[in-house]
PDB file of N, CA and C in Angstrom:
ATOM      1  N   MET A   1      -9.385   6.477  11.736  1.00  0.00           N
ATOM      2  CA  MET A   1      -9.026   6.367  10.330  1.00  0.00           C
ATOM      3  C   MET A   1      -7.802   5.477  10.202  1.00  0.00           C
ATOM      4  N   SER A   2      -7.782   4.713   9.167  1.00  0.00           N
ATOM      5  CA  SER A   2      -6.654   3.812   8.994  1.00  0.00           C
ATOM      6  C   SER A   2      -5.523   4.479   8.217  1.00  0.00           C
ATOM      7  N   VAL A   3      -4.407   3.816   8.238  1.00  0.00           N
ATOM      8  CA  VAL A   3      -3.205   4.313   7.593  1.00  0.00           C
ATOM      9  C   VAL A   3      -2.958   3.492   6.323  1.00  0.00           C
ATOM     10  N   VAL A   4      -2.272   4.092   5.365  1.00  0.00           N
ATOM     11  CA  VAL A   4      -1.872   3.362   4.162  1.00  0.00           C
ATOM     12  C   VAL A   4      -0.662   2.516   4.545  1.00  0.00           C
ATOM     13  N   THR A   5      -0.727   1.235   4.225  1.00  0.00           N
ATOM     14  CA  THR A   5       0.383   0.327   4.466  1.00  0.00           C
ATOM     15  C   THR A   5       0.841  -0.229   3.131  1.00  0.00           C
ATOM     16  N   VAL A   6       2.154  -0.173   2.899  1.00  0.00           N
ATOM     17  CA  VAL A   6       2.729  -0.755   1.691  1.00  0.00           C
ATOM     18  C   VAL A   6       3.557  -1.954   2.137  1.00  0.00           C
ATOM     19  N   TRP A   7       3.065  -3.132   1.781  1.00  0.00           N
ATOM     20  CA  TRP A   7       3.769  -4.371   2.077  1.00  0.00           C
ATOM     21  C   TRP A   7       4.772  -4.595   0.954  1.00  0.00           C
ATOM     22  N   THR A   8       6.046  -4.686   1.303  1.00  0.00           N
ATOM     23  CA  THR A   8       7.110  -4.747   0.314  1.00  0.00           C
ATOM     24  C   THR A   8       7.974  -5.983   0.500  1.00  0.00           C
ATOM     25  N   LYS A   9       8.950  -6.100  -0.372  1.00  0.00           N
ATOM     26  CA  LYS A   9      10.031  -7.074  -0.209  1.00  0.00           C
ATOM     27  C   LYS A   9      11.302  -6.411  -0.730  1.00  0.00           C
ATOM     28  N   PRO A  10      12.458  -6.914  -0.318  1.00  0.00           N
ATOM     29  CA  PRO A  10      13.709  -6.305  -0.778  1.00  0.00           C
ATOM     30  C   PRO A  10      13.854  -6.398  -2.303  1.00  0.00           C
ATOM     31  N   ILE A  11      14.509  -5.409  -2.872  1.00  0.00           N
ATOM     32  CA  ILE A  11      14.814  -5.348  -4.305  1.00  0.00           C
ATOM     33  C   ILE A  11      13.548  -5.564  -5.132  1.00  0.00           C
ATOM     34  N   CYS A  12      12.637  -4.640  -5.014  1.00  0.00           N
ATOM     35  CA  CYS A  12      11.325  -4.750  -5.672  1.00  0.00           C
ATOM     36  C   CYS A  12      11.030  -3.433  -6.401  1.00  0.00           C
ATOM     37  N   GLY A  13      11.135  -3.450  -7.718  1.00  0.00           N
ATOM     38  CA  GLY A  13      10.895  -2.251  -8.519  1.00  0.00           C
ATOM     39  C   GLY A  13       9.488  -1.709  -8.380  1.00  0.00           C
ATOM     40  N   GLN A  14       8.495  -2.596  -8.370  1.00  0.00           N
ATOM     41  CA  GLN A  14       7.116  -2.133  -8.228  1.00  0.00           C
ATOM     42  C   GLN A  14       6.881  -1.527  -6.848  1.00  0.00           C
ATOM     43  N   CYS A  15       7.564  -2.057  -5.832  1.00  0.00           N
ATOM     44  CA  CYS A  15       7.451  -1.495  -4.476  1.00  0.00           C
ATOM     45  C   CYS A  15       7.955  -0.052  -4.466  1.00  0.00           C
ATOM     46  N   ILE A  16       9.088   0.162  -5.131  1.00  0.00           N
ATOM     47  CA  ILE A  16       9.661   1.510  -5.224  1.00  0.00           C
ATOM     48  C   ILE A  16       8.693   2.448  -5.938  1.00  0.00           C
ATOM     49  N   ALA A  17       8.047   1.959  -7.003  1.00  0.00           N
ATOM     50  CA  ALA A  17       7.108   2.795  -7.766  1.00  0.00           C
ATOM     51  C   ALA A  17       5.892   3.184  -6.922  1.00  0.00           C
ATOM     52  N   VAL A  18       5.360   2.249  -6.146  1.00  0.00           N
ATOM     53  CA  VAL A  18       4.207   2.559  -5.286  1.00  0.00           C
ATOM     54  C   VAL A  18       4.601   3.599  -4.247  1.00  0.00           C
ATOM     55  N   LYS A  19       5.733   3.398  -3.588  1.00  0.00           N
ATOM     56  CA  LYS A  19       6.168   4.342  -2.556  1.00  0.00           C
ATOM     57  C   LYS A  19       6.423   5.722  -3.153  1.00  0.00           C
ATOM     58  N   ALA A  20       6.980   5.773  -4.368  1.00  0.00           N
ATOM     59  CA  ALA A  20       7.213   7.059  -5.031  1.00  0.00           C
ATOM     60  C   ALA A  20       5.892   7.759  -5.343  1.00  0.00           C
ATOM     61  N   ALA A  21       4.900   7.001  -5.817  1.00  0.00           N
ATOM     62  CA  ALA A  21       3.589   7.590  -6.137  1.00  0.00           C
ATOM     63  C   ALA A  21       2.932   8.165  -4.886  1.00  0.00           C
ATOM     64  N   LEU A  22       3.001   7.434  -3.786  1.00  0.00           N
ATOM     65  CA  LEU A  22       2.413   7.923  -2.533  1.00  0.00           C
ATOM     66  C   LEU A  22       3.164   9.145  -2.018  1.00  0.00           C
ATOM     67  N   THR A  23       4.477   9.104  -2.102  1.00  0.00           N
ATOM     68  CA  THR A  23       5.285  10.233  -1.645  1.00  0.00           C
ATOM     69  C   THR A  23       4.996  11.477  -2.478  1.00  0.00           C
ATOM     70  N   THR A  24       4.935  11.323  -3.797  1.00  0.00           N
ATOM     71  CA  THR A  24       4.629  12.443  -4.687  1.00  0.00           C
ATOM     72  C   THR A  24       3.262  13.035  -4.366  1.00  0.00           C
ATOM     73  N   ALA A  25       2.306  12.167  -4.021  1.00  0.00           N
ATOM     74  CA  ALA A  25       0.952  12.616  -3.686  1.00  0.00           C
ATOM     75  C   ALA A  25       0.843  13.118  -2.248  1.00  0.00           C
ATOM     76  N   LYS A  26       1.968  13.066  -1.514  1.00  0.00           N
ATOM     77  CA  LYS A  26       2.012  13.511  -0.120  1.00  0.00           C
ATOM     78  C   LYS A  26       1.066  12.710   0.774  1.00  0.00           C
ATOM     79  N   VAL A  27       0.987  11.413   0.489  1.00  0.00           N
ATOM     80  CA  VAL A  27       0.188  10.499   1.301  1.00  0.00           C
ATOM     81  C   VAL A  27       1.156   9.724   2.196  1.00  0.00           C
ATOM     82  N   PRO A  28       1.067   9.913   3.503  1.00  0.00           N
ATOM     83  CA  PRO A  28       1.966   9.172   4.394  1.00  0.00           C
ATOM     84  C   PRO A  28       1.616   7.684   4.386  1.00  0.00           C
ATOM     85  N   PHE A  29       2.636   6.871   4.570  1.00  0.00           N
ATOM     86  CA  PHE A  29       2.406   5.434   4.573  1.00  0.00           C
ATOM     87  C   PHE A  29       3.395   4.760   5.511  1.00  0.00           C
ATOM     88  N   VAL A  30       3.045   3.546   5.885  1.00  0.00           N
ATOM     89  CA  VAL A  30       3.904   2.691   6.687  1.00  0.00           C
ATOM     90  C   VAL A  30       4.372   1.577   5.766  1.00  0.00           C
ATOM     91  N   GLU A  31       5.657   1.302   5.803  1.00  0.00           N
ATOM     92  CA  GLU A  31       6.206   0.225   4.985  1.00  0.00           C
ATOM     93  C   GLU A  31       6.432  -0.999   5.865  1.00  0.00           C
ATOM     94  N   ARG A  32       5.956  -2.143   5.388  1.00  0.00           N
ATOM     95  CA  ARG A  32       6.144  -3.414   6.102  1.00  0.00           C
ATOM     96  C   ARG A  32       6.776  -4.403   5.137  1.00  0.00           C
ATOM     97  N   ASP A  33       7.748  -5.152   5.602  1.00  0.00           N
ATOM     98  CA  ASP A  33       8.471  -6.125   4.787  1.00  0.00           C
ATOM     99  C   ASP A  33       7.785  -7.487   4.885  1.00  0.00           C
ATOM    100  N   LEU A  34       7.262  -7.969   3.762  1.00  0.00           N
ATOM    101  CA  LEU A  34       6.590  -9.267   3.747  1.00  0.00           C
ATOM    102  C   LEU A  34       7.544 -10.427   4.008  1.00  0.00           C
ATOM    103  N   THR A  35       8.840 -10.201   3.843  1.00  0.00           N
ATOM    104  CA  THR A  35       9.797 -11.285   4.064  1.00  0.00           C
ATOM    105  C   THR A  35      10.296 -11.350   5.504  1.00  0.00           C
ATOM    106  N   ALA A  36       9.894 -10.399   6.332  1.00  0.00           N
ATOM    107  CA  ALA A  36      10.315 -10.385   7.737  1.00  0.00           C
ATOM    108  C   ALA A  36       9.645 -11.536   8.487  1.00  0.00           C
ATOM    109  N   PRO A  37      10.358 -12.152   9.417  1.00  0.00           N
ATOM    110  CA  PRO A  37       9.777 -13.266  10.169  1.00  0.00           C
ATOM    111  C   PRO A  37       8.460 -12.918  10.873  1.00  0.00           C
ATOM    112  N   ASP A  38       8.337 -11.687  11.373  1.00  0.00           N
ATOM    113  CA  ASP A  38       7.112 -11.308  12.081  1.00  0.00           C
ATOM    114  C   ASP A  38       5.936 -11.030  11.144  1.00  0.00           C
ATOM    115  N   ALA A  39       6.151 -11.131   9.829  1.00  0.00           N
ATOM    116  CA  ALA A  39       5.071 -10.912   8.856  1.00  0.00           C
ATOM    117  C   ALA A  39       4.516 -12.222   8.303  1.00  0.00           C
ATOM    118  N   ALA A  40       4.936 -13.350   8.851  1.00  0.00           N
ATOM    119  CA  ALA A  40       4.512 -14.649   8.325  1.00  0.00           C
ATOM    120  C   ALA A  40       2.986 -14.803   8.307  1.00  0.00           C
ATOM    121  N   ASN A  41       2.323 -14.393   9.365  1.00  0.00           N
ATOM    122  CA  ASN A  41       0.856 -14.508   9.404  1.00  0.00           C
ATOM    123  C   ASN A  41       0.194 -13.565   8.414  1.00  0.00           C
ATOM    124  N   ASP A  42       0.774 -12.382   8.239  1.00  0.00           N
ATOM    125  CA  ASP A  42       0.235 -11.435   7.261  1.00  0.00           C
ATOM    126  C   ASP A  42       0.374 -12.002   5.853  1.00  0.00           C
ATOM    127  N   LEU A  43       1.536 -12.575   5.552  1.00  0.00           N
ATOM    128  CA  LEU A  43       1.753 -13.179   4.241  1.00  0.00           C
ATOM    129  C   LEU A  43       0.774 -14.323   4.001  1.00  0.00           C
ATOM    130  N   LYS A  44       0.555 -15.119   5.022  1.00  0.00           N
ATOM    131  CA  LYS A  44      -0.411 -16.231   4.917  1.00  0.00           C
ATOM    132  C   LYS A  44      -1.809 -15.688   4.628  1.00  0.00           C
ATOM    133  N   TYR A  45      -2.195 -14.610   5.300  1.00  0.00           N
ATOM    134  CA  TYR A  45      -3.505 -13.988   5.070  1.00  0.00           C
ATOM    135  C   TYR A  45      -3.619 -13.491   3.631  1.00  0.00           C
ATOM    136  N   PHE A  46      -2.622 -12.752   3.167  1.00  0.00           N
ATOM    137  CA  PHE A  46      -2.686 -12.219   1.805  1.00  0.00           C
ATOM    138  C   PHE A  46      -2.783 -13.343   0.778  1.00  0.00           C
ATOM    139  N   ARG A  47      -2.029 -14.392   0.984  1.00  0.00           N
ATOM    140  CA  ARG A  47      -2.111 -15.537   0.060  1.00  0.00           C
ATOM    141  C   ARG A  47      -3.507 -16.158   0.085  1.00  0.00           C
ATOM    142  N   SER A  48      -4.126 -16.185   1.257  1.00  0.00           N
ATOM    143  CA  SER A  48      -5.460 -16.791   1.367  1.00  0.00           C
ATOM    144  C   SER A  48      -6.523 -16.003   0.609  1.00  0.00           C
ATOM    145  N   ILE A  49      -6.263 -14.698   0.368  1.00  0.00           N
ATOM    146  CA  ILE A  49      -7.225 -13.897  -0.398  1.00  0.00           C
ATOM    147  C   ILE A  49      -6.751 -13.662  -1.833  1.00  0.00           C
ATOM    148  N   GLY A  50      -5.723 -14.435  -2.229  1.00  0.00           N
ATOM    149  CA  GLY A  50      -5.286 -14.405  -3.619  1.00  0.00           C
ATOM    150  C   GLY A  50      -4.241 -13.365  -3.965  1.00  0.00           C
ATOM    151  N   LEU A  51      -3.635 -12.748  -2.953  1.00  0.00           N
ATOM    152  CA  LEU A  51      -2.587 -11.761  -3.201  1.00  0.00           C
ATOM    153  C   LEU A  51      -1.253 -12.400  -2.836  1.00  0.00           C
ATOM    154  N   ALA A  52      -0.474 -12.734  -3.859  1.00  0.00           N
ATOM    155  CA  ALA A  52       0.727 -13.528  -3.607  1.00  0.00           C
ATOM    156  C   ALA A  52       2.034 -12.823  -3.939  1.00  0.00           C
ATOM    157  N   SER A  53       1.987 -11.568  -4.358  1.00  0.00           N
ATOM    158  CA  SER A  53       3.246 -10.899  -4.695  1.00  0.00           C
ATOM    159  C   SER A  53       3.245  -9.463  -4.191  1.00  0.00           C
ATOM    160  N   ALA A  54       4.445  -8.966  -3.956  1.00  0.00           N
ATOM    161  CA  ALA A  54       4.610  -7.596  -3.481  1.00  0.00           C
ATOM    162  C   ALA A  54       4.738  -6.656  -4.666  1.00  0.00           C
ATOM    163  N   PRO A  55       4.386  -5.423  -4.472  1.00  0.00           N
ATOM    164  CA  PRO A  55       3.855  -4.836  -3.256  1.00  0.00           C
ATOM    165  C   PRO A  55       2.352  -5.088  -3.125  1.00  0.00           C
ATOM    166  N   ILE A  56       1.901  -4.928  -1.921  1.00  0.00           N
ATOM    167  CA  ILE A  56       0.463  -4.900  -1.644  1.00  0.00           C
ATOM    168  C   ILE A  56       0.227  -3.592  -0.905  1.00  0.00           C
ATOM    169  N   THR A  57      -0.598  -2.738  -1.487  1.00  0.00           N
ATOM    170  CA  THR A  57      -0.906  -1.452  -0.873  1.00  0.00           C
ATOM    171  C   THR A  57      -2.273  -1.588  -0.239  1.00  0.00           C
ATOM    172  N   GLU A  58      -2.334  -1.316   1.048  1.00  0.00           N
ATOM    173  CA  GLU A  58      -3.554  -1.555   1.813  1.00  0.00           C
ATOM    174  C   GLU A  58      -4.016  -0.270   2.475  1.00  0.00           C
ATOM    175  N   TYR A  59      -5.306   0.008   2.317  1.00  0.00           N
ATOM    176  CA  TYR A  59      -5.909   1.148   3.002  1.00  0.00           C
ATOM    177  C   TYR A  59      -7.356   0.803   3.284  1.00  0.00           C
ATOM    178  N   GLY A  60      -7.726   0.817   4.549  1.00  0.00           N
ATOM    179  CA  GLY A  60      -9.086   0.438   4.915  1.00  0.00           C
ATOM    180  C   GLY A  60      -9.370  -0.977   4.448  1.00  0.00           C
ATOM    181  N   ASP A  61     -10.451  -1.135   3.700  1.00  0.00           N
ATOM    182  CA  ASP A  61     -10.844  -2.449   3.192  1.00  0.00           C
ATOM    183  C   ASP A  61     -10.239  -2.763   1.831  1.00  0.00           C
ATOM    184  N   LYS A  62      -9.445  -1.863   1.296  1.00  0.00           N
ATOM    185  CA  LYS A  62      -8.892  -2.031  -0.056  1.00  0.00           C
ATOM    186  C   LYS A  62      -7.461  -2.536   0.012  1.00  0.00           C
ATOM    187  N   ALA A  63      -7.159  -3.547  -0.795  1.00  0.00           N
ATOM    188  CA  ALA A  63      -5.793  -4.061  -0.927  1.00  0.00           C
ATOM    189  C   ALA A  63      -5.485  -4.167  -2.419  1.00  0.00           C
ATOM    190  N   VAL A  64      -4.429  -3.477  -2.843  1.00  0.00           N
ATOM    191  CA  VAL A  64      -4.064  -3.407  -4.253  1.00  0.00           C
ATOM    192  C   VAL A  64      -2.750  -4.158  -4.469  1.00  0.00           C
ATOM    193  N   PRO A  65      -2.765  -5.194  -5.308  1.00  0.00           N
ATOM    194  CA  PRO A  65      -1.520  -5.909  -5.586  1.00  0.00           C
ATOM    195  C   PRO A  65      -0.724  -5.212  -6.688  1.00  0.00           C
ATOM    196  N   GLY A  66       0.610  -5.233  -6.570  1.00  0.00           N
ATOM    197  CA  GLY A  66       1.466  -4.698  -7.622  1.00  0.00           C
ATOM    198  C   GLY A  66       1.376  -3.187  -7.729  1.00  0.00           C
ATOM    199  N   PHE A  67       1.896  -2.690  -8.848  1.00  0.00           N
ATOM    200  CA  PHE A  67       1.825  -1.258  -9.129  1.00  0.00           C
ATOM    201  C   PHE A  67       0.865  -1.059 -10.278  1.00  0.00           C
ATOM    202  N   LEU A  68      -0.375  -0.798  -9.924  1.00  0.00           N
ATOM    203  CA  LEU A  68      -1.428  -0.511 -10.890  1.00  0.00           C
ATOM    204  C   LEU A  68      -1.798   0.956 -10.686  1.00  0.00           C
ATOM    205  N   PRO A  69      -1.285   1.850 -11.544  1.00  0.00           N
ATOM    206  CA  PRO A  69      -1.468   3.284 -11.306  1.00  0.00           C
ATOM    207  C   PRO A  69      -2.906   3.705 -11.017  1.00  0.00           C
ATOM    208  N   SER A  70      -3.871   3.166 -11.742  1.00  0.00           N
ATOM    209  CA  SER A  70      -5.257   3.587 -11.508  1.00  0.00           C
ATOM    210  C   SER A  70      -5.739   3.160 -10.120  1.00  0.00           C
ATOM    211  N   GLU A  71      -5.302   2.007  -9.656  1.00  0.00           N
ATOM    212  CA  GLU A  71      -5.730   1.553  -8.330  1.00  0.00           C
ATOM    213  C   GLU A  71      -4.960   2.264  -7.216  1.00  0.00           C
ATOM    214  N   ILE A  72      -3.697   2.589  -7.472  1.00  0.00           N
ATOM    215  CA  ILE A  72      -2.944   3.377  -6.492  1.00  0.00           C
ATOM    216  C   ILE A  72      -3.572   4.765  -6.384  1.00  0.00           C
ATOM    217  N   ARG A  73      -4.002   5.322  -7.516  1.00  0.00           N
ATOM    218  CA  ARG A  73      -4.702   6.617  -7.517  1.00  0.00           C
ATOM    219  C   ARG A  73      -5.982   6.512  -6.692  1.00  0.00           C
ATOM    220  N   GLU A  74      -6.674   5.389  -6.772  1.00  0.00           N
ATOM    221  CA  GLU A  74      -7.893   5.201  -5.982  1.00  0.00           C
ATOM    222  C   GLU A  74      -7.562   5.194  -4.485  1.00  0.00           C
ATOM    223  N   VAL A  75      -6.476   4.541  -4.106  1.00  0.00           N
ATOM    224  CA  VAL A  75      -6.051   4.546  -2.699  1.00  0.00           C
ATOM    225  C   VAL A  75      -5.741   5.978  -2.259  1.00  0.00           C
ATOM    226  N   ILE A  76      -5.025   6.709  -3.106  1.00  0.00           N
ATOM    227  CA  ILE A  76      -4.700   8.110  -2.798  1.00  0.00           C
ATOM    228  C   ILE A  76      -5.982   8.924  -2.617  1.00  0.00           C
ATOM    229  N   ASP A  77      -6.929   8.747  -3.522  1.00  0.00           N
ATOM    230  CA  ASP A  77      -8.195   9.485  -3.430  1.00  0.00           C
ATOM    231  C   ASP A  77      -8.976   9.109  -2.175  1.00  0.00           C
ATOM    232  N   LEU A  78      -8.984   7.821  -1.822  1.00  0.00           N
ATOM    233  CA  LEU A  78      -9.664   7.381  -0.599  1.00  0.00           C
ATOM    234  C   LEU A  78      -9.021   8.007   0.630  1.00  0.00           C
ATOM    235  N   TRP A  79      -7.679   7.992   0.660  1.00  0.00           N
ATOM    236  CA  TRP A  79      -6.976   8.578   1.796  1.00  0.00           C
ATOM    237  C   TRP A  79      -7.288  10.064   1.896  1.00  0.00           C
ATOM    238  N   ARG A  80      -7.251  10.759   0.759  1.00  0.00           N
ATOM    239  CA  ARG A  80      -7.534  12.203   0.775  1.00  0.00           C
ATOM    240  C   ARG A  80      -8.963  12.496   1.223  1.00  0.00           C
ATOM    241  N   SER A  81      -9.910  11.658   0.837  1.00  0.00           N
ATOM    242  CA  SER A  81     -11.305  11.892   1.255  1.00  0.00           C
ATOM    243  C   SER A  81     -11.449  11.711   2.775  1.00  0.00           C
ATOM    244  N   ASP A  82     -10.602  10.875   3.354  1.00  0.00           N
ATOM    245  CA  ASP A  82     -10.627  10.687   4.808  1.00  0.00           C
ATOM    246  C   ASP A  82      -9.792  11.723   5.554  1.00  0.00           C
ATOM    247  N   HIS A  83      -8.956  12.465   4.819  1.00  0.00           N
ATOM    248  CA  HIS A  83      -8.063  13.453   5.429  1.00  0.00           C
ATOM    249  C   HIS A  83      -8.179  14.781   4.658  1.00  0.00           C
ATOM    250  N   PRO A  84      -9.328  15.420   4.728  1.00  0.00           N
ATOM    251  CA  PRO A  84      -9.518  16.655   3.953  1.00  0.00           C
ATOM    252  C   PRO A  84      -8.531  17.747   4.392  1.00  0.00           C
ATOM    253  N   VAL A  85      -8.114  18.490   3.405  1.00  0.00           N
ATOM    254  CA  VAL A  85      -7.205  19.612   3.635  1.00  0.00           C
ATOM    255  C   VAL A  85      -7.971  20.883   3.289  1.00  0.00           C
ATOM    256  N   GLU A  86      -7.819  21.893   4.118  1.00  0.00           N
ATOM    257  CA  GLU A  86      -8.499  23.146   3.838  1.00  0.00           C
ATOM    258  C   GLU A  86      -7.990  23.744   2.527  1.00  0.00           C
ATOM    259  N   GLN A  87      -8.904  24.166   1.697  1.00  0.00           N
ATOM    260  CA  GLN A  87      -8.563  24.805   0.444  1.00  0.00           C
ATOM    261  C   GLN A  87      -8.415  26.300   0.691  1.00  0.00           C
ATOM    262  N   THR A  88      -7.343  26.876   0.172  1.00  0.00           N
ATOM    263  CA  THR A  88      -7.148  28.338   0.342  1.00  0.00           C
ATOM    264  C   THR A  88      -7.268  29.029  -0.985  1.00  0.00           C
TER     265      THR A  88
END
């Protein structure tokens, strides 16, 4: 199963909003800085598929640009479907 990755940049309000939404939903994520030198190839890839601004929230085959609550909710739902929790 894949992990949720939030591609960010420094001083990014939408990045903060995405991370807050995931944290509130108790969805673990990895944060990666798109401005880091080791992310140059990743940034080039995202630009090649039309995603040119941070944040980019990635899970499995889904990549969501910006803070779009309905699409972030979809990522949360996808993650939860892959990580079922026992109901008590």
